[in-house]
PDB file of N, CA and C in Angstrom:
ATOM      1  N   LEU A   1     -12.830 -15.064  15.694  1.00  0.00           N
ATOM      2  CA  LEU A   1     -11.881 -14.930  14.644  1.00  0.00           C
ATOM      3  C   LEU A   1     -12.367 -15.402  13.334  1.00  0.00           C
ATOM      4  N   GLU A   2     -11.923 -14.569  12.288  1.00  0.00           N
ATOM      5  CA  GLU A   2     -12.333 -14.861  10.932  1.00  0.00           C
ATOM      6  C   GLU A   2     -11.397 -16.071  10.485  1.00  0.00           C
ATOM      7  N   LYS A   3     -12.104 -17.059   9.876  1.00  0.00           N
ATOM      8  CA  LYS A   3     -11.407 -18.255   9.339  1.00  0.00           C
ATOM      9  C   LYS A   3     -10.486 -17.803   8.133  1.00  0.00           C
ATOM     10  N   TRP A   4      -9.250 -18.308   8.166  1.00  0.00           N
ATOM     11  CA  TRP A   4      -8.333 -17.934   7.197  1.00  0.00           C
ATOM     12  C   TRP A   4      -8.712 -18.534   5.785  1.00  0.00           C
ATOM     13  N   SER A   5      -8.627 -17.818   4.750  1.00  0.00           N
ATOM     14  CA  SER A   5      -8.744 -18.403   3.417  1.00  0.00           C
ATOM     15  C   SER A   5      -7.898 -17.601   2.482  1.00  0.00           C
ATOM     16  N   PRO A   6      -7.543 -18.173   1.305  1.00  0.00           N
ATOM     17  CA  PRO A   6      -6.737 -17.471   0.306  1.00  0.00           C
ATOM     18  C   PRO A   6      -7.470 -16.136  -0.100  1.00  0.00           C
ATOM     19  N   GLN A   7      -8.805 -16.227  -0.225  1.00  0.00           N
ATOM     20  CA  GLN A   7      -9.639 -15.069  -0.645  1.00  0.00           C
ATOM     21  C   GLN A   7      -9.609 -13.963   0.370  1.00  0.00           C
ATOM     22  N   SER A   8      -9.597 -14.359   1.699  1.00  0.00           N
ATOM     23  CA  SER A   8      -9.542 -13.289   2.698  1.00  0.00           C
ATOM     24  C   SER A   8      -8.182 -12.676   2.703  1.00  0.00           C
ATOM     25  N   ALA A   9      -7.184 -13.441   2.498  1.00  0.00           N
ATOM     26  CA  ALA A   9      -5.802 -12.957   2.445  1.00  0.00           C
ATOM     27  C   ALA A   9      -5.642 -12.020   1.311  1.00  0.00           C
ATOM     28  N   LEU A  10      -6.107 -12.329   0.101  1.00  0.00           N
ATOM     29  CA  LEU A  10      -6.102 -11.534  -1.109  1.00  0.00           C
ATOM     30  C   LEU A  10      -6.881 -10.079  -0.784  1.00  0.00           C
ATOM     31  N   GLY A  11      -8.033 -10.321  -0.169  1.00  0.00           N
ATOM     32  CA  GLY A  11      -8.806  -9.095   0.201  1.00  0.00           C
ATOM     33  C   GLY A  11      -8.060  -8.181   1.115  1.00  0.00           C
ATOM     34  N   GLN A  12      -7.453  -8.717   2.137  1.00  0.00           N
ATOM     35  CA  GLN A  12      -6.664  -7.899   3.072  1.00  0.00           C
ATOM     36  C   GLN A  12      -5.453  -7.265   2.437  1.00  0.00           C
ATOM     37  N   LEU A  13      -4.772  -8.028   1.624  1.00  0.00           N
ATOM     38  CA  LEU A  13      -3.605  -7.352   0.915  1.00  0.00           C
ATOM     39  C   LEU A  13      -4.086  -6.334   0.008  1.00  0.00           C
ATOM     40  N   GLN A  14      -5.235  -6.545  -0.741  1.00  0.00           N
ATOM     41  CA  GLN A  14      -5.739  -5.521  -1.610  1.00  0.00           C
ATOM     42  C   GLN A  14      -6.139  -4.244  -0.901  1.00  0.00           C
ATOM     43  N   ALA A  15      -6.780  -4.417   0.323  1.00  0.00           N
ATOM     44  CA  ALA A  15      -7.162  -3.279   1.116  1.00  0.00           C
ATOM     45  C   ALA A  15      -5.882  -2.617   1.627  1.00  0.00           C
ATOM     46  N   ARG A  16      -4.872  -3.236   1.990  1.00  0.00           N
ATOM     47  CA  ARG A  16      -3.529  -2.591   2.500  1.00  0.00           C
ATOM     48  C   ARG A  16      -3.080  -1.751   1.310  1.00  0.00           C
ATOM     49  N   LEU A  17      -3.077  -2.428   0.064  1.00  0.00           N
ATOM     50  CA  LEU A  17      -2.479  -1.741  -1.005  1.00  0.00           C
ATOM     51  C   LEU A  17      -3.225  -0.482  -1.284  1.00  0.00           C
ATOM     52  N   ASP A  18      -4.563  -0.623  -1.404  1.00  0.00           N
ATOM     53  CA  ASP A  18      -5.367   0.612  -1.638  1.00  0.00           C
ATOM     54  C   ASP A  18      -5.170   1.685  -0.595  1.00  0.00           C
ATOM     55  N   ALA A  19      -5.039   1.317   0.623  1.00  0.00           N
ATOM     56  CA  ALA A  19      -4.898   2.366   1.714  1.00  0.00           C
ATOM     57  C   ALA A  19      -3.433   3.010   1.574  1.00  0.00           C
ATOM     58  N   SER A  20      -2.491   2.241   1.208  1.00  0.00           N
ATOM     59  CA  SER A  20      -1.167   2.840   1.026  1.00  0.00           C
ATOM     60  C   SER A  20      -1.097   3.781  -0.246  1.00  0.00           C
ATOM     61  N   GLU A  21      -1.766   3.292  -1.278  1.00  0.00           N
ATOM     62  CA  GLU A  21      -1.866   4.145  -2.379  1.00  0.00           C
ATOM     63  C   GLU A  21      -2.554   5.514  -2.202  1.00  0.00           C
ATOM     64  N   ALA A  22      -3.661   5.447  -1.403  1.00  0.00           N
ATOM     65  CA  ALA A  22      -4.395   6.644  -1.012  1.00  0.00           C
ATOM     66  C   ALA A  22      -3.525   7.540  -0.086  1.00  0.00           C
ATOM     67  N   GLU A  23      -2.791   6.932   0.722  1.00  0.00           N
ATOM     68  CA  GLU A  23      -1.941   7.704   1.624  1.00  0.00           C
ATOM     69  C   GLU A  23      -0.896   8.453   0.856  1.00  0.00           C
ATOM     70  N   SER A  24      -0.303   7.801  -0.150  1.00  0.00           N
ATOM     71  CA  SER A  24       0.777   8.473  -0.969  1.00  0.00           C
ATOM     72  C   SER A  24       0.055   9.674  -1.710  1.00  0.00           C
ATOM     73  N   GLU A  25      -1.104   9.411  -2.278  1.00  0.00           N
ATOM     74  CA  GLU A  25      -1.765  10.560  -2.942  1.00  0.00           C
ATOM     75  C   GLU A  25      -2.008  11.807  -1.998  1.00  0.00           C
ATOM     76  N   VAL A  26      -2.438  11.567  -0.790  1.00  0.00           N
ATOM     77  CA  VAL A  26      -2.617  12.655   0.159  1.00  0.00           C
ATOM     78  C   VAL A  26      -1.284  13.353   0.397  1.00  0.00           C
ATOM     79  N   GLN A  27      -0.234  12.537   0.616  1.00  0.00           N
ATOM     80  CA  GLN A  27       1.049  13.139   0.820  1.00  0.00           C
ATOM     81  C   GLN A  27       1.527  14.044  -0.362  1.00  0.00           C
ATOM     82  N   ILE A  28       1.320  13.550  -1.522  1.00  0.00           N
ATOM     83  CA  ILE A  28       1.599  14.389  -2.663  1.00  0.00           C
ATOM     84  C   ILE A  28       0.844  15.707  -2.681  1.00  0.00           C
ATOM     85  N   GLU A  29      -0.402  15.542  -2.425  1.00  0.00           N
ATOM     86  CA  GLU A  29      -1.303  16.764  -2.464  1.00  0.00           C
ATOM     87  C   GLU A  29      -0.871  17.763  -1.354  1.00  0.00           C
ATOM     88  N   GLN A  30      -0.560  17.168  -0.182  1.00  0.00           N
ATOM     89  CA  GLN A  30      -0.024  18.109   0.912  1.00  0.00           C
ATOM     90  C   GLN A  30       1.285  18.763   0.593  1.00  0.00           C
ATOM     91  N   PHE A  31       2.174  18.029  -0.097  1.00  0.00           N
ATOM     92  CA  PHE A  31       3.473  18.615  -0.454  1.00  0.00           C
ATOM     93  C   PHE A  31       3.221  19.721  -1.509  1.00  0.00           C
ATOM     94  N   LEU A  32       2.428  19.390  -2.536  1.00  0.00           N
ATOM     95  CA  LEU A  32       2.182  20.410  -3.605  1.00  0.00           C
ATOM     96  C   LEU A  32       1.509  21.640  -3.075  1.00  0.00           C
ATOM     97  N   ALA A  33       0.685  21.453  -2.002  1.00  0.00           N
ATOM     98  CA  ALA A  33      -0.028  22.586  -1.437  1.00  0.00           C
ATOM     99  C   ALA A  33       0.965  23.349  -0.403  1.00  0.00           C
ATOM    100  N   GLN A  34       2.092  22.860  -0.383  1.00  0.00           N
ATOM    101  CA  GLN A  34       3.071  23.357   0.527  1.00  0.00           C
ATOM    102  C   GLN A  34       2.682  23.277   2.035  1.00  0.00           C
ATOM    103  N   ASP A  35       1.927  22.235   2.339  1.00  0.00           N
ATOM    104  CA  ASP A  35       1.509  21.917   3.731  1.00  0.00           C
ATOM    105  C   ASP A  35       2.469  20.955   4.421  1.00  0.00           C
ATOM    106  N   LEU A  36       3.446  20.415   3.592  1.00  0.00           N
ATOM    107  CA  LEU A  36       4.296  19.344   4.071  1.00  0.00           C
ATOM    108  C   LEU A  36       5.674  19.745   3.690  1.00  0.00           C
ATOM    109  N   PRO A  37       6.704  19.925   4.616  1.00  0.00           N
ATOM    110  CA  PRO A  37       8.021  20.276   4.184  1.00  0.00           C
ATOM    111  C   PRO A  37       8.704  19.123   3.406  1.00  0.00           C
ATOM    112  N   LEU A  38       9.672  19.576   2.649  1.00  0.00           N
ATOM    113  CA  LEU A  38      10.286  18.527   1.787  1.00  0.00           C
ATOM    114  C   LEU A  38      10.852  17.381   2.521  1.00  0.00           C
ATOM    115  N   GLU A  39      11.519  17.513   3.544  1.00  0.00           N
ATOM    116  CA  GLU A  39      12.160  16.457   4.436  1.00  0.00           C
ATOM    117  C   GLU A  39      11.024  15.450   4.863  1.00  0.00           C
ATOM    118  N   SER A  40       9.945  16.037   5.450  1.00  0.00           N
ATOM    119  CA  SER A  40       8.870  15.163   5.899  1.00  0.00           C
ATOM    120  C   SER A  40       8.236  14.417   4.772  1.00  0.00           C
ATOM    121  N   PHE A  41       7.989  15.183   3.709  1.00  0.00           N
ATOM    122  CA  PHE A  41       7.442  14.452   2.505  1.00  0.00           C
ATOM    123  C   PHE A  41       8.247  13.336   2.035  1.00  0.00           C
ATOM    124  N   LEU A  42       9.507  13.541   1.891  1.00  0.00           N
ATOM    125  CA  LEU A  42      10.383  12.432   1.316  1.00  0.00           C
ATOM    126  C   LEU A  42      10.380  11.296   2.295  1.00  0.00           C
ATOM    127  N   GLU A  43      10.451  11.552   3.538  1.00  0.00           N
ATOM    128  CA  GLU A  43      10.455  10.382   4.539  1.00  0.00           C
ATOM    129  C   GLU A  43       9.101   9.625   4.448  1.00  0.00           C
ATOM    130  N   SER A  44       7.962  10.272   4.631  1.00  0.00           N
ATOM    131  CA  SER A  44       6.713   9.596   4.647  1.00  0.00           C
ATOM    132  C   SER A  44       6.336   9.006   3.311  1.00  0.00           C
ATOM    133  N   PHE A  45       6.655   9.783   2.261  1.00  0.00           N
ATOM    134  CA  PHE A  45       6.321   9.168   0.767  1.00  0.00           C
ATOM    135  C   PHE A  45       7.098   7.886   0.612  1.00  0.00           C
ATOM    136  N   CYS A  46       8.395   7.948   0.940  1.00  0.00           N
ATOM    137  CA  CYS A  46       9.113   6.659   0.649  1.00  0.00           C
ATOM    138  C   CYS A  46       8.634   5.517   1.507  1.00  0.00           C
ATOM    139  N   GLN A  47       8.179   5.776   2.676  1.00  0.00           N
ATOM    140  CA  GLN A  47       7.649   4.736   3.591  1.00  0.00           C
ATOM    141  C   GLN A  47       6.409   4.151   2.888  1.00  0.00           C
ATOM    142  N   SER A  48       5.514   5.074   2.438  1.00  0.00           N
ATOM    143  CA  SER A  48       4.160   4.705   1.812  1.00  0.00           C
ATOM    144  C   SER A  48       4.481   3.835   0.546  1.00  0.00           C
ATOM    145  N   ARG A  49       5.378   4.352  -0.255  1.00  0.00           N
ATOM    146  CA  ARG A  49       5.675   3.630  -1.551  1.00  0.00           C
ATOM    147  C   ARG A  49       6.309   2.208  -1.256  1.00  0.00           C
ATOM    148  N   THR A  50       7.086   2.162  -0.238  1.00  0.00           N
ATOM    149  CA  THR A  50       7.736   0.867   0.168  1.00  0.00           C
ATOM    150  C   THR A  50       6.593  -0.080   0.549  1.00  0.00           C
ATOM    151  N   ARG A  51       5.698   0.413   1.382  1.00  0.00           N
ATOM    152  CA  ARG A  51       4.514  -0.441   1.855  1.00  0.00           C
ATOM    153  C   ARG A  51       3.763  -0.861   0.591  1.00  0.00           C
ATOM    154  N   SER A  52       3.482   0.123  -0.364  1.00  0.00           N
ATOM    155  CA  SER A  52       2.751  -0.347  -1.546  1.00  0.00           C
ATOM    156  C   SER A  52       3.450  -1.347  -2.346  1.00  0.00           C
ATOM    157  N   HIS A  53       4.609  -1.147  -2.477  1.00  0.00           N
ATOM    158  CA  HIS A  53       5.454  -2.173  -3.317  1.00  0.00           C
ATOM    159  C   HIS A  53       5.409  -3.543  -2.737  1.00  0.00           C
ATOM    160  N   ILE A  54       5.596  -3.632  -1.381  1.00  0.00           N
ATOM    161  CA  ILE A  54       5.566  -4.846  -0.632  1.00  0.00           C
ATOM    162  C   ILE A  54       4.175  -5.524  -0.809  1.00  0.00           C
ATOM    163  N   CYS A  55       3.161  -4.800  -0.567  1.00  0.00           N
ATOM    164  CA  CYS A  55       1.750  -5.309  -0.660  1.00  0.00           C
ATOM    165  C   CYS A  55       1.548  -5.762  -2.024  1.00  0.00           C
ATOM    166  N   ARG A  56       1.850  -4.991  -3.039  1.00  0.00           N
ATOM    167  CA  ARG A  56       1.649  -5.360  -4.442  1.00  0.00           C
ATOM    168  C   ARG A  56       2.376  -6.668  -4.781  1.00  0.00           C
ATOM    169  N   THR A  57       3.619  -6.795  -4.362  1.00  0.00           N
ATOM    170  CA  THR A  57       4.413  -7.987  -4.632  1.00  0.00           C
ATOM    171  C   THR A  57       3.746  -9.198  -3.964  1.00  0.00           C
ATOM    172  N   GLN A  58       3.377  -9.036  -2.732  1.00  0.00           N
ATOM    173  CA  GLN A  58       2.731 -10.162  -1.966  1.00  0.00           C
ATOM    174  C   GLN A  58       1.401 -10.576  -2.625  1.00  0.00           C
ATOM    175  N   LEU A  59       0.661  -9.571  -3.061  1.00  0.00           N
ATOM    176  CA  LEU A  59      -0.622  -9.776  -3.676  1.00  0.00           C
ATOM    177  C   LEU A  59      -0.399 -10.637  -5.028  1.00  0.00           C
ATOM    178  N   GLU A  60       0.482 -10.134  -5.881  1.00  0.00           N
ATOM    179  CA  GLU A  60       0.855 -10.841  -7.047  1.00  0.00           C
ATOM    180  C   GLU A  60       1.346 -12.200  -6.905  1.00  0.00           C
ATOM    181  N   LYS A  61       2.148 -12.401  -5.896  1.00  0.00           N
ATOM    182  CA  LYS A  61       2.701 -13.738  -5.584  1.00  0.00           C
ATOM    183  C   LYS A  61       1.574 -14.694  -5.098  1.00  0.00           C
ATOM    184  N   LEU A  62       0.690 -14.232  -4.310  1.00  0.00           N
ATOM    185  CA  LEU A  62      -0.342 -15.089  -3.783  1.00  0.00           C
ATOM    186  C   LEU A  62      -1.333 -15.411  -4.935  1.00  0.00           C
ATOM    187  N   GLN A  63      -1.602 -14.462  -5.812  1.00  0.00           N
ATOM    188  CA  GLN A  63      -2.498 -14.680  -6.975  1.00  0.00           C
ATOM    189  C   GLN A  63      -1.838 -15.767  -7.904  1.00  0.00           C
ATOM    190  N   GLU A  64      -0.540 -15.601  -8.105  1.00  0.00           N
ATOM    191  CA  GLU A  64       0.231 -16.538  -8.954  1.00  0.00           C
ATOM    192  C   GLU A  64       0.102 -17.966  -8.303  1.00  0.00           C
ATOM    193  N   LEU A  65       0.364 -18.142  -7.067  1.00  0.00           N
ATOM    194  CA  LEU A  65       0.276 -19.389  -6.328  1.00  0.00           C
ATOM    195  C   LEU A  65      -1.082 -20.049  -6.467  1.00  0.00           C
ATOM    196  N   LEU A  66      -2.192 -19.176  -6.266  1.00  0.00           N
ATOM    197  CA  LEU A  66      -3.537 -19.637  -6.351  1.00  0.00           C
ATOM    198  C   LEU A  66      -3.915 -20.159  -7.717  1.00  0.00           C
ATOM    199  N   GLN A  67      -3.240 -19.574  -8.787  1.00  0.00           N
ATOM    200  CA  GLN A  67      -3.624 -20.037 -10.089  1.00  0.00           C
ATOM    201  C   GLN A  67      -2.972 -21.351 -10.480  1.00  0.00           C
ATOM    202  N   LYS A  68      -2.031 -21.829  -9.772  1.00  0.00           N
ATOM    203  CA  LYS A  68      -1.331 -23.150 -10.054  1.00  0.00           C
ATOM    204  C   LYS A  68      -2.217 -24.319  -9.590  1.00  0.00           C
TER     205      LYS A  68
END
């Protein structure tokens, strides 16, 4: 098991945020190429953006706490 540290938590949150942002980009490209139906796009894109928002908020809050 990896020892927990604030830096490892920040790294994991950043990795999740990056992955979610990349997933959103792929979904947009698939939709624009008409490879993804509207209903499927809206559902998956909203889920990806929600995950991105949560990760970004957690990352910012942890950074804020570590600066204190």
